[in-house]
């Protein structure tokens, strides 16, 4: 785990690198180690790991997200369904011209 001073022990860094090579995503590693994804990225870059290409949302997935959002589904639920985070869904909905509802309704 990350130390209280924010540093990550060398052994934990090795575990992060090995898990990433085994196919664990940066998002999942951040959750497991209770640190931000950028910290995971820093550990991987420090270890000279070749990062996997980030998945991109397809136009068809944006269309699905727009449809689901207009039907009342939340950003979080759409994100779960399409395997993207809510912020990514929100950004692509805005780019598609969709007005985002307030968190209260």
PDB file of N, CA and C in Angstrom:
ATOM      1  N   UNK A   1       0.832  -1.191   0.000  1.00  0.00           N
ATOM      2  CA  UNK A   1       0.000   0.000   0.000  1.00  0.00           C
ATOM      3  C   UNK A   1       0.876   1.254   0.000  1.00  0.00           C
ATOM      4  N   UNK A   2       0.293   2.353  -0.406  1.00  0.00           N
ATOM      5  CA  UNK A   2       1.015   3.614  -0.392  1.00  0.00           C
ATOM      6  C   UNK A   2       1.284   4.020   1.049  1.00  0.00           C
ATOM      7  N   UNK A   3       2.446   4.581   1.274  1.00  0.00           N
ATOM      8  CA  UNK A   3       2.780   5.024   2.628  1.00  0.00           C
ATOM      9  C   UNK A   3       2.069   6.326   2.932  1.00  0.00           C
ATOM     10  N   UNK A   4       2.004   6.648   4.195  1.00  0.00           N
ATOM     11  CA  UNK A   4       1.298   7.873   4.599  1.00  0.00           C
ATOM     12  C   UNK A   4       1.926   9.127   4.013  1.00  0.00           C
ATOM     13  N   UNK A   5       3.240   9.085   3.757  1.00  0.00           N
ATOM     14  CA  UNK A   5       3.897  10.263   3.191  1.00  0.00           C
ATOM     15  C   UNK A   5       3.721  10.346   1.673  1.00  0.00           C
ATOM     16  N   UNK A   6       2.950   9.410   1.120  1.00  0.00           N
ATOM     17  CA  UNK A   6       2.655   9.446  -0.304  1.00  0.00           C
ATOM     18  C   UNK A   6       3.608   8.639  -1.160  1.00  0.00           C
ATOM     19  N   UNK A   7       4.675   8.141  -0.571  1.00  0.00           N
ATOM     20  CA  UNK A   7       5.638   7.347  -1.333  1.00  0.00           C
ATOM     21  C   UNK A   7       5.178   5.901  -1.427  1.00  0.00           C
ATOM     22  N   UNK A   8       5.562   5.281  -2.496  1.00  0.00           N
ATOM     23  CA  UNK A   8       5.213   3.880  -2.713  1.00  0.00           C
ATOM     24  C   UNK A   8       6.489   3.064  -2.544  1.00  0.00           C
ATOM     25  N   UNK A   9       6.425   2.054  -1.718  1.00  0.00           N
ATOM     26  CA  UNK A   9       7.593   1.214  -1.454  1.00  0.00           C
ATOM     27  C   UNK A   9       8.038   0.504  -2.730  1.00  0.00           C
ATOM     28  N   UNK A  10       9.331   0.231  -2.818  1.00  0.00           N
ATOM     29  CA  UNK A  10       9.899  -0.420  -4.004  1.00  0.00           C
ATOM     30  C   UNK A  10       9.223  -1.758  -4.284  1.00  0.00           C
ATOM     31  N   UNK A  11       8.934  -2.514  -3.242  1.00  0.00           N
ATOM     32  CA  UNK A  11       8.287  -3.825  -3.427  1.00  0.00           C
ATOM     33  C   UNK A  11       6.882  -3.656  -4.019  1.00  0.00           C
ATOM     34  N   UNK A  12       6.163  -2.634  -3.570  1.00  0.00           N
ATOM     35  CA  UNK A  12       4.828  -2.365  -4.111  1.00  0.00           C
ATOM     36  C   UNK A  12       4.924  -1.942  -5.576  1.00  0.00           C
ATOM     37  N   UNK A  13       5.949  -1.164  -5.900  1.00  0.00           N
ATOM     38  CA  UNK A  13       6.140  -0.758  -7.298  1.00  0.00           C
ATOM     39  C   UNK A  13       6.342  -1.989  -8.175  1.00  0.00           C
ATOM     40  N   UNK A  14       7.136  -2.936  -7.685  1.00  0.00           N
ATOM     41  CA  UNK A  14       7.362  -4.173  -8.440  1.00  0.00           C
ATOM     42  C   UNK A  14       6.053  -4.931  -8.635  1.00  0.00           C
ATOM     43  N   UNK A  15       5.247  -4.984  -7.594  1.00  0.00           N
ATOM     44  CA  UNK A  15       3.961  -5.678  -7.692  1.00  0.00           C
ATOM     45  C   UNK A  15       3.039  -4.998  -8.705  1.00  0.00           C
ATOM     46  N   UNK A  16       3.055  -3.680  -8.701  1.00  0.00           N
ATOM     47  CA  UNK A  16       2.235  -2.922  -9.652  1.00  0.00           C
ATOM     48  C   UNK A  16       2.666  -3.244 -11.080  1.00  0.00           C
ATOM     49  N   UNK A  17       3.973  -3.217 -11.325  1.00  0.00           N
ATOM     50  CA  UNK A  17       4.500  -3.511 -12.661  1.00  0.00           C
ATOM     51  C   UNK A  17       4.124  -4.930 -13.085  1.00  0.00           C
ATOM     52  N   UNK A  18       4.319  -5.893 -12.200  1.00  0.00           N
ATOM     53  CA  UNK A  18       3.991  -7.289 -12.530  1.00  0.00           C
ATOM     54  C   UNK A  18       2.498  -7.459 -12.812  1.00  0.00           C
ATOM     55  N   UNK A  19       1.664  -6.815 -12.016  1.00  0.00           N
ATOM     56  CA  UNK A  19       0.214  -6.915 -12.224  1.00  0.00           C
ATOM     57  C   UNK A  19      -0.184  -6.289 -13.557  1.00  0.00           C
ATOM     58  N   UNK A  20       0.442  -5.159 -13.890  1.00  0.00           N
ATOM     59  CA  UNK A  20       0.136  -4.509 -15.166  1.00  0.00           C
ATOM     60  C   UNK A  20       0.521  -5.420 -16.330  1.00  0.00           C
ATOM     61  N   UNK A  21       1.707  -6.023 -16.241  1.00  0.00           N
ATOM     62  CA  UNK A  21       2.127  -6.964 -17.286  1.00  0.00           C
ATOM     63  C   UNK A  21       1.194  -8.171 -17.362  1.00  0.00           C
ATOM     64  N   UNK A  22       0.577  -8.519 -16.250  1.00  0.00           N
ATOM     65  CA  UNK A  22      -0.364  -9.646 -16.221  1.00  0.00           C
ATOM     66  C   UNK A  22      -1.735  -9.261 -16.781  1.00  0.00           C
ATOM     67  N   UNK A  23      -1.911  -7.976 -17.114  1.00  0.00           N
ATOM     68  CA  UNK A  23      -3.154  -7.552 -17.750  1.00  0.00           C
ATOM     69  C   UNK A  23      -4.083  -6.717 -16.891  1.00  0.00           C
ATOM     70  N   UNK A  24      -3.694  -6.435 -15.651  1.00  0.00           N
ATOM     71  CA  UNK A  24      -4.538  -5.618 -14.776  1.00  0.00           C
ATOM     72  C   UNK A  24      -4.486  -4.168 -15.269  1.00  0.00           C
ATOM     73  N   UNK A  25      -5.635  -3.515 -15.334  1.00  0.00           N
ATOM     74  CA  UNK A  25      -5.701  -2.134 -15.826  1.00  0.00           C
ATOM     75  C   UNK A  25      -5.158  -1.150 -14.798  1.00  0.00           C
ATOM     76  N   UNK A  26      -4.775   0.034 -15.282  1.00  0.00           N
ATOM     77  CA  UNK A  26      -4.325   1.085 -14.368  1.00  0.00           C
ATOM     78  C   UNK A  26      -5.448   1.465 -13.406  1.00  0.00           C
ATOM     79  N   UNK A  27      -6.666   1.492 -13.903  1.00  0.00           N
ATOM     80  CA  UNK A  27      -7.815   1.830 -13.056  1.00  0.00           C
ATOM     81  C   UNK A  27      -7.947   0.832 -11.910  1.00  0.00           C
ATOM     82  N   UNK A  28      -7.839  -0.447 -12.222  1.00  0.00           N
ATOM     83  CA  UNK A  28      -7.946  -1.482 -11.196  1.00  0.00           C
ATOM     84  C   UNK A  28      -6.767  -1.420 -10.232  1.00  0.00           C
ATOM     85  N   UNK A  29      -5.566  -1.168 -10.743  1.00  0.00           N
ATOM     86  CA  UNK A  29      -4.401  -1.040  -9.859  1.00  0.00           C
ATOM     87  C   UNK A  29      -4.572   0.141  -8.906  1.00  0.00           C
ATOM     88  N   UNK A  30      -5.093   1.247  -9.417  1.00  0.00           N
ATOM     89  CA  UNK A  30      -5.335   2.414  -8.562  1.00  0.00           C
ATOM     90  C   UNK A  30      -6.323   2.071  -7.458  1.00  0.00           C
ATOM     91  N   UNK A  31      -7.348   1.310  -7.802  1.00  0.00           N
ATOM     92  CA  UNK A  31      -8.325   0.896  -6.793  1.00  0.00           C
ATOM     93  C   UNK A  31      -7.675  -0.020  -5.767  1.00  0.00           C
ATOM     94  N   UNK A  32      -6.927  -1.008  -6.240  1.00  0.00           N
ATOM     95  CA  UNK A  32      -6.290  -1.976  -5.335  1.00  0.00           C
ATOM     96  C   UNK A  32      -5.317  -1.321  -4.359  1.00  0.00           C
ATOM     97  N   UNK A  33      -4.557  -0.361  -4.853  1.00  0.00           N
ATOM     98  CA  UNK A  33      -3.521   0.260  -4.028  1.00  0.00           C
ATOM     99  C   UNK A  33      -3.970   1.576  -3.400  1.00  0.00           C
ATOM    100  N   UNK A  34      -5.210   1.953  -3.642  1.00  0.00           N
ATOM    101  CA  UNK A  34      -5.798   3.171  -3.068  1.00  0.00           C
ATOM    102  C   UNK A  34      -4.953   4.408  -3.371  1.00  0.00           C
ATOM    103  N   UNK A  35      -4.512   4.489  -4.630  1.00  0.00           N
ATOM    104  CA  UNK A  35      -3.788   5.667  -5.094  1.00  0.00           C
ATOM    105  C   UNK A  35      -4.353   6.077  -6.450  1.00  0.00           C
ATOM    106  N   UNK A  36      -4.051   7.298  -6.861  1.00  0.00           N
ATOM    107  CA  UNK A  36      -4.595   7.833  -8.105  1.00  0.00           C
ATOM    108  C   UNK A  36      -3.976   7.135  -9.321  1.00  0.00           C
ATOM    109  N   UNK A  37      -4.744   7.087 -10.408  1.00  0.00           N
ATOM    110  CA  UNK A  37      -4.241   6.466 -11.645  1.00  0.00           C
ATOM    111  C   UNK A  37      -2.963   7.125 -12.143  1.00  0.00           C
ATOM    112  N   UNK A  38      -2.839   8.435 -11.939  1.00  0.00           N
ATOM    113  CA  UNK A  38      -1.610   9.090 -12.392  1.00  0.00           C
ATOM    114  C   UNK A  38      -0.399   8.589 -11.607  1.00  0.00           C
ATOM    115  N   UNK A  39      -0.603   8.226 -10.351  1.00  0.00           N
ATOM    116  CA  UNK A  39       0.493   7.651  -9.563  1.00  0.00           C
ATOM    117  C   UNK A  39       0.866   6.276 -10.104  1.00  0.00           C
ATOM    118  N   UNK A  40      -0.131   5.511 -10.512  1.00  0.00           N
ATOM    119  CA  UNK A  40       0.129   4.206 -11.129  1.00  0.00           C
ATOM    120  C   UNK A  40       0.910   4.407 -12.420  1.00  0.00           C
ATOM    121  N   UNK A  41       0.473   5.352 -13.225  1.00  0.00           N
ATOM    122  CA  UNK A  41       1.173   5.654 -14.482  1.00  0.00           C
ATOM    123  C   UNK A  41       2.622   6.044 -14.195  1.00  0.00           C
ATOM    124  N   UNK A  42       2.831   6.876 -13.181  1.00  0.00           N
ATOM    125  CA  UNK A  42       4.192   7.289 -12.818  1.00  0.00           C
ATOM    126  C   UNK A  42       5.058   6.088 -12.457  1.00  0.00           C
ATOM    127  N   UNK A  43       4.500   5.165 -11.672  1.00  0.00           N
ATOM    128  CA  UNK A  43       5.236   3.951 -11.283  1.00  0.00           C
ATOM    129  C   UNK A  43       5.604   3.147 -12.527  1.00  0.00           C
ATOM    130  N   UNK A  44       4.658   2.985 -13.430  1.00  0.00           N
ATOM    131  CA  UNK A  44       4.902   2.208 -14.643  1.00  0.00           C
ATOM    132  C   UNK A  44       5.941   2.883 -15.534  1.00  0.00           C
ATOM    133  N   UNK A  45       5.838   4.194 -15.683  1.00  0.00           N
ATOM    134  CA  UNK A  45       6.814   4.914 -16.501  1.00  0.00           C
ATOM    135  C   UNK A  45       8.199   4.858 -15.867  1.00  0.00           C
ATOM    136  N   UNK A  46       8.256   4.978 -14.555  1.00  0.00           N
ATOM    137  CA  UNK A  46       9.527   4.873 -13.836  1.00  0.00           C
ATOM    138  C   UNK A  46      10.157   3.495 -14.068  1.00  0.00           C
ATOM    139  N   UNK A  47       9.316   2.482 -14.165  1.00  0.00           N
ATOM    140  CA  UNK A  47       9.782   1.126 -14.423  1.00  0.00           C
ATOM    141  C   UNK A  47      10.002   0.836 -15.899  1.00  0.00           C
ATOM    142  N   UNK A  48       9.902   1.881 -16.729  1.00  0.00           N
ATOM    143  CA  UNK A  48      10.099   1.790 -18.174  1.00  0.00           C
ATOM    144  C   UNK A  48       9.178   0.762 -18.832  1.00  0.00           C
ATOM    145  N   UNK A  49       7.954   0.696 -18.321  1.00  0.00           N
ATOM    146  CA  UNK A  49       6.943  -0.206 -18.861  1.00  0.00           C
ATOM    147  C   UNK A  49       6.327   0.435 -20.105  1.00  0.00           C
ATOM    148  N   UNK A  50       6.181  -0.344 -21.154  1.00  0.00           N
ATOM    149  CA  UNK A  50       5.481   0.131 -22.349  1.00  0.00           C
ATOM    150  C   UNK A  50       3.991   0.047 -22.037  1.00  0.00           C
ATOM    151  N   UNK A  51       3.342   1.202 -22.013  1.00  0.00           N
ATOM    152  CA  UNK A  51       1.932   1.258 -21.637  1.00  0.00           C
ATOM    153  C   UNK A  51       1.045   0.767 -22.772  1.00  0.00           C
ATOM    154  N   UNK A  52      -0.015   0.075 -22.388  1.00  0.00           N
ATOM    155  CA  UNK A  52      -1.000  -0.366 -23.372  1.00  0.00           C
ATOM    156  C   UNK A  52      -1.742   0.853 -23.903  1.00  0.00           C
ATOM    157  N   UNK A  53      -2.171   0.738 -25.117  1.00  0.00           N
ATOM    158  CA  UNK A  53      -2.940   1.815 -25.726  1.00  0.00           C
ATOM    159  C   UNK A  53      -4.270   1.949 -24.994  1.00  0.00           C
ATOM    160  N   UNK A  54      -4.649   3.179 -24.717  1.00  0.00           N
ATOM    161  CA  UNK A  54      -5.910   3.430 -24.024  1.00  0.00           C
ATOM    162  C   UNK A  54      -7.078   3.186 -24.976  1.00  0.00           C
ATOM    163  N   UNK A  55      -8.097   2.530 -24.445  1.00  0.00           N
ATOM    164  CA  UNK A  55      -9.299   2.296 -25.244  1.00  0.00           C
ATOM    165  C   UNK A  55      -9.983   3.623 -25.535  1.00  0.00           C
ATOM    166  N   UNK A  56     -10.550   3.714 -26.695  1.00  0.00           N
ATOM    167  CA  UNK A  56     -11.306   4.909 -27.062  1.00  0.00           C
ATOM    168  C   UNK A  56     -12.757   4.515 -27.251  1.00  0.00           C
ATOM    169  N   UNK A  57     -13.618   5.439 -26.881  1.00  0.00           N
ATOM    170  CA  UNK A  57     -15.045   5.199 -27.062  1.00  0.00           C
ATOM    171  C   UNK A  57     -15.369   5.346 -28.553  1.00  0.00           C
ATOM    172  N   UNK A  58     -16.119   4.416 -29.075  1.00  0.00           N
ATOM    173  CA  UNK A  58     -16.455   4.427 -30.506  1.00  0.00           C
ATOM    174  C   UNK A  58     -17.672   5.316 -30.755  1.00  0.00           C
ATOM    175  N   UNK A  59     -17.852   5.770 -31.997  1.00  0.00           N
ATOM    176  CA  UNK A  59     -19.052   6.543 -32.326  1.00  0.00           C
ATOM    177  C   UNK A  59     -20.336   5.773 -32.001  1.00  0.00           C
ATOM    178  N   UNK A  60     -20.334   4.464 -32.214  1.00  0.00           N
ATOM    179  CA  UNK A  60     -21.522   3.662 -31.897  1.00  0.00           C
ATOM    180  C   UNK A  60     -21.792   3.673 -30.392  1.00  0.00           C
ATOM    181  N   UNK A  61     -20.730   3.626 -29.591  1.00  0.00           N
ATOM    182  CA  UNK A  61     -20.908   3.672 -28.138  1.00  0.00           C
ATOM    183  C   UNK A  61     -21.419   5.038 -27.693  1.00  0.00           C
ATOM    184  N   UNK A  62     -20.961   6.100 -28.355  1.00  0.00           N
ATOM    185  CA  UNK A  62     -21.474   7.439 -28.038  1.00  0.00           C
ATOM    186  C   UNK A  62     -22.963   7.493 -28.352  1.00  0.00           C
ATOM    187  N   UNK A  63     -23.369   6.946 -29.482  1.00  0.00           N
ATOM    188  CA  UNK A  63     -24.794   6.916 -29.847  1.00  0.00           C
ATOM    189  C   UNK A  63     -25.612   6.165 -28.797  1.00  0.00           C
ATOM    190  N   UNK A  64     -25.080   5.045 -28.329  1.00  0.00           N
ATOM    191  CA  UNK A  64     -25.763   4.272 -27.282  1.00  0.00           C
ATOM    192  C   UNK A  64     -25.861   5.102 -26.010  1.00  0.00           C
ATOM    193  N   UNK A  65     -24.758   5.766 -25.649  1.00  0.00           N
ATOM    194  CA  UNK A  65     -24.746   6.587 -24.435  1.00  0.00           C
ATOM    195  C   UNK A  65     -25.771   7.710 -24.527  1.00  0.00           C
ATOM    196  N   UNK A  66     -25.845   8.360 -25.685  1.00  0.00           N
ATOM    197  CA  UNK A  66     -26.827   9.436 -25.885  1.00  0.00           C
ATOM    198  C   UNK A  66     -28.233   8.891 -25.693  1.00  0.00           C
ATOM    199  N   UNK A  67     -28.521   7.779 -26.308  1.00  0.00           N
ATOM    200  CA  UNK A  67     -29.848   7.176 -26.210  1.00  0.00           C
ATOM    201  C   UNK A  67     -30.189   6.814 -24.762  1.00  0.00           C
ATOM    202  N   UNK A  68     -29.266   6.165 -24.087  1.00  0.00           N
ATOM    203  CA  UNK A  68     -29.512   5.762 -22.696  1.00  0.00           C
ATOM    204  C   UNK A  68     -29.686   6.976 -21.788  1.00  0.00           C
ATOM    205  N   UNK A  69     -28.869   8.004 -22.018  1.00  0.00           N
ATOM    206  CA  UNK A  69     -28.957   9.201 -21.188  1.00  0.00           C
ATOM    207  C   UNK A  69     -30.302   9.895 -21.397  1.00  0.00           C
ATOM    208  N   UNK A  70     -30.747   9.965 -22.634  1.00  0.00           N
ATOM    209  CA  UNK A  70     -32.043  10.591 -22.932  1.00  0.00           C
ATOM    210  C   UNK A  70     -33.200   9.787 -22.351  1.00  0.00           C
ATOM    211  N   UNK A  71     -32.980   8.484 -22.126  1.00  0.00           N
ATOM    212  CA  UNK A  71     -33.993   7.638 -21.490  1.00  0.00           C
ATOM    213  C   UNK A  71     -33.966   7.777 -19.968  1.00  0.00           C
ATOM    214  N   UNK A  72     -33.009   8.553 -19.447  1.00  0.00           N
ATOM    215  CA  UNK A  72     -32.962   8.805 -18.013  1.00  0.00           C
ATOM    216  C   UNK A  72     -31.883   8.068 -17.242  1.00  0.00           C
ATOM    217  N   UNK A  73     -31.085   7.257 -17.916  1.00  0.00           N
ATOM    218  CA  UNK A  73     -30.033   6.521 -17.211  1.00  0.00           C
ATOM    219  C   UNK A  73     -28.942   7.495 -16.754  1.00  0.00           C
ATOM    220  N   UNK A  74     -28.361   7.228 -15.602  1.00  0.00           N
ATOM    221  CA  UNK A  74     -27.311   8.098 -15.061  1.00  0.00           C
ATOM    222  C   UNK A  74     -25.993   7.896 -15.802  1.00  0.00           C
ATOM    223  N   UNK A  75     -25.123   8.890 -15.684  1.00  0.00           N
ATOM    224  CA  UNK A  75     -23.795   8.792 -16.289  1.00  0.00           C
ATOM    225  C   UNK A  75     -23.035   7.590 -15.728  1.00  0.00           C
ATOM    226  N   UNK A  76     -23.153   7.382 -14.425  1.00  0.00           N
ATOM    227  CA  UNK A  76     -22.451   6.265 -13.778  1.00  0.00           C
ATOM    228  C   UNK A  76     -22.928   4.922 -14.325  1.00  0.00           C
ATOM    229  N   UNK A  77     -24.235   4.772 -14.460  1.00  0.00           N
ATOM    230  CA  UNK A  77     -24.788   3.503 -14.977  1.00  0.00           C
ATOM    231  C   UNK A  77     -24.390   3.279 -16.435  1.00  0.00           C
ATOM    232  N   UNK A  78     -24.422   4.351 -17.226  1.00  0.00           N
ATOM    233  CA  UNK A  78     -23.999   4.231 -18.625  1.00  0.00           C
ATOM    234  C   UNK A  78     -22.526   3.825 -18.674  1.00  0.00           C
ATOM    235  N   UNK A  79     -21.728   4.469 -17.833  1.00  0.00           N
ATOM    236  CA  UNK A  79     -20.310   4.132 -17.775  1.00  0.00           C
ATOM    237  C   UNK A  79     -20.081   2.677 -17.418  1.00  0.00           C
ATOM    238  N   UNK A  80     -20.822   2.183 -16.436  1.00  0.00           N
ATOM    239  CA  UNK A  80     -20.702   0.769 -16.054  1.00  0.00           C
ATOM    240  C   UNK A  80     -21.072  -0.135 -17.227  1.00  0.00           C
ATOM    241  N   UNK A  81     -22.130   0.220 -17.897  1.00  0.00           N
ATOM    242  CA  UNK A  81     -22.627  -0.610 -19.002  1.00  0.00           C
ATOM    243  C   UNK A  81     -21.643  -0.652 -20.175  1.00  0.00           C
ATOM    244  N   UNK A  82     -21.008   0.499 -20.453  1.00  0.00           N
ATOM    245  CA  UNK A  82     -20.091   0.581 -21.596  1.00  0.00           C
ATOM    246  C   UNK A  82     -18.627   0.403 -21.192  1.00  0.00           C
ATOM    247  N   UNK A  83     -18.377   0.236 -19.899  1.00  0.00           N
ATOM    248  CA  UNK A  83     -17.030   0.047 -19.356  1.00  0.00           C
ATOM    249  C   UNK A  83     -16.126   1.263 -19.553  1.00  0.00           C
ATOM    250  N   UNK A  84     -16.692   2.437 -19.256  1.00  0.00           N
ATOM    251  CA  UNK A  84     -15.952   3.692 -19.215  1.00  0.00           C
ATOM    252  C   UNK A  84     -16.372   4.404 -17.944  1.00  0.00           C
ATOM    253  N   UNK A  85     -15.563   5.368 -17.478  1.00  0.00           N
ATOM    254  CA  UNK A  85     -15.995   6.083 -16.281  1.00  0.00           C
ATOM    255  C   UNK A  85     -17.013   7.165 -16.639  1.00  0.00           C
ATOM    256  N   UNK A  86     -17.719   7.636 -15.632  1.00  0.00           N
ATOM    257  CA  UNK A  86     -18.800   8.606 -15.838  1.00  0.00           C
ATOM    258  C   UNK A  86     -18.292   9.900 -16.461  1.00  0.00           C
ATOM    259  N   UNK A  87     -17.076  10.316 -16.107  1.00  0.00           N
ATOM    260  CA  UNK A  87     -16.514  11.547 -16.663  1.00  0.00           C
ATOM    261  C   UNK A  87     -16.296  11.418 -18.172  1.00  0.00           C
ATOM    262  N   UNK A  88     -15.855  10.260 -18.605  1.00  0.00           N
ATOM    263  CA  UNK A  88     -15.667  10.025 -20.045  1.00  0.00           C
ATOM    264  C   UNK A  88     -17.007  10.086 -20.766  1.00  0.00           C
ATOM    265  N   UNK A  89     -18.008   9.456 -20.183  1.00  0.00           N
ATOM    266  CA  UNK A  89     -19.348   9.483 -20.783  1.00  0.00           C
ATOM    267  C   UNK A  89     -19.858  10.915 -20.858  1.00  0.00           C
ATOM    268  N   UNK A  90     -19.723  11.661 -19.773  1.00  0.00           N
ATOM    269  CA  UNK A  90     -20.173  13.049 -19.732  1.00  0.00           C
ATOM    270  C   UNK A  90     -19.496  13.885 -20.818  1.00  0.00           C
ATOM    271  N   UNK A  91     -18.190  13.741 -20.951  1.00  0.00           N
ATOM    272  CA  UNK A  91     -17.443  14.512 -21.941  1.00  0.00           C
ATOM    273  C   UNK A  91     -17.953  14.219 -23.356  1.00  0.00           C
ATOM    274  N   UNK A  92     -18.171  12.956 -23.660  1.00  0.00           N
ATOM    275  CA  UNK A  92     -18.615  12.598 -25.011  1.00  0.00           C
ATOM    276  C   UNK A  92     -20.068  12.996 -25.259  1.00  0.00           C
ATOM    277  N   UNK A  93     -20.893  12.959 -24.234  1.00  0.00           N
ATOM    278  CA  UNK A  93     -22.270  13.436 -24.397  1.00  0.00           C
ATOM    279  C   UNK A  93     -22.273  14.934 -24.693  1.00  0.00           C
ATOM    280  N   UNK A  94     -21.462  15.685 -23.965  1.00  0.00           N
ATOM    281  CA  UNK A  94     -21.379  17.134 -24.211  1.00  0.00           C
ATOM    282  C   UNK A  94     -20.915  17.405 -25.641  1.00  0.00           C
ATOM    283  N   UNK A  95     -19.890  16.685 -26.062  1.00  0.00           N
ATOM    284  CA  UNK A  95     -19.387  16.861 -27.433  1.00  0.00           C
ATOM    285  C   UNK A  95     -20.461  16.540 -28.468  1.00  0.00           C
ATOM    286  N   UNK A  96     -21.384  15.651 -28.103  1.00  0.00           N
ATOM    287  CA  UNK A  96     -22.487  15.283 -29.002  1.00  0.00           C
ATOM    288  C   UNK A  96     -23.648  16.270 -28.896  1.00  0.00           C
ATOM    289  N   UNK A  97     -23.477  17.312 -28.083  1.00  0.00           N
ATOM    290  CA  UNK A  97     -24.503  18.342 -27.969  1.00  0.00           C
ATOM    291  C   UNK A  97     -25.569  18.077 -26.927  1.00  0.00           C
ATOM    292  N   UNK A  98     -25.346  17.097 -26.076  1.00  0.00           N
ATOM    293  CA  UNK A  98     -26.319  16.755 -25.037  1.00  0.00           C
ATOM    294  C   UNK A  98     -26.081  17.637 -23.817  1.00  0.00           C
ATOM    295  N   UNK A  99     -27.157  18.210 -23.283  1.00  0.00           N
ATOM    296  CA  UNK A  99     -27.073  18.972 -22.041  1.00  0.00           C
ATOM    297  C   UNK A  99     -27.100  17.992 -20.880  1.00  0.00           C
ATOM    298  N   UNK A 100     -26.127  18.125 -19.997  1.00  0.00           N
ATOM    299  CA  UNK A 100     -26.006  17.205 -18.865  1.00  0.00           C
ATOM    300  C   UNK A 100     -26.915  17.683 -17.735  1.00  0.00           C
ATOM    301  N   UNK A 101     -27.680  16.752 -17.186  1.00  0.00           N
ATOM    302  CA  UNK A 101     -28.571  17.062 -16.066  1.00  0.00           C
ATOM    303  C   UNK A 101     -27.746  17.365 -14.820  1.00  0.00           C
ATOM    304  N   UNK A 102     -28.336  18.145 -13.910  1.00  0.00           N
ATOM    305  CA  UNK A 102     -27.668  18.378 -12.628  1.00  0.00           C
ATOM    306  C   UNK A 102     -27.695  17.085 -11.824  1.00  0.00           C
ATOM    307  N   UNK A 103     -26.803  16.979 -10.875  1.00  0.00           N
ATOM    308  CA  UNK A 103     -26.727  15.765 -10.054  1.00  0.00           C
ATOM    309  C   UNK A 103     -28.014  15.544  -9.269  1.00  0.00           C
ATOM    310  N   UNK A 104     -28.773  16.596  -9.055  1.00  0.00           N
ATOM    311  CA  UNK A 104     -30.014  16.498  -8.280  1.00  0.00           C
ATOM    312  C   UNK A 104     -31.229  16.172  -9.137  1.00  0.00           C
ATOM    313  N   UNK A 105     -31.026  15.974 -10.404  1.00  0.00           N
ATOM    314  CA  UNK A 105     -32.184  15.612 -11.207  1.00  0.00           C
ATOM    315  C   UNK A 105     -32.128  16.201 -12.547  1.00  0.00           C
TER     316      UNK A 105
END
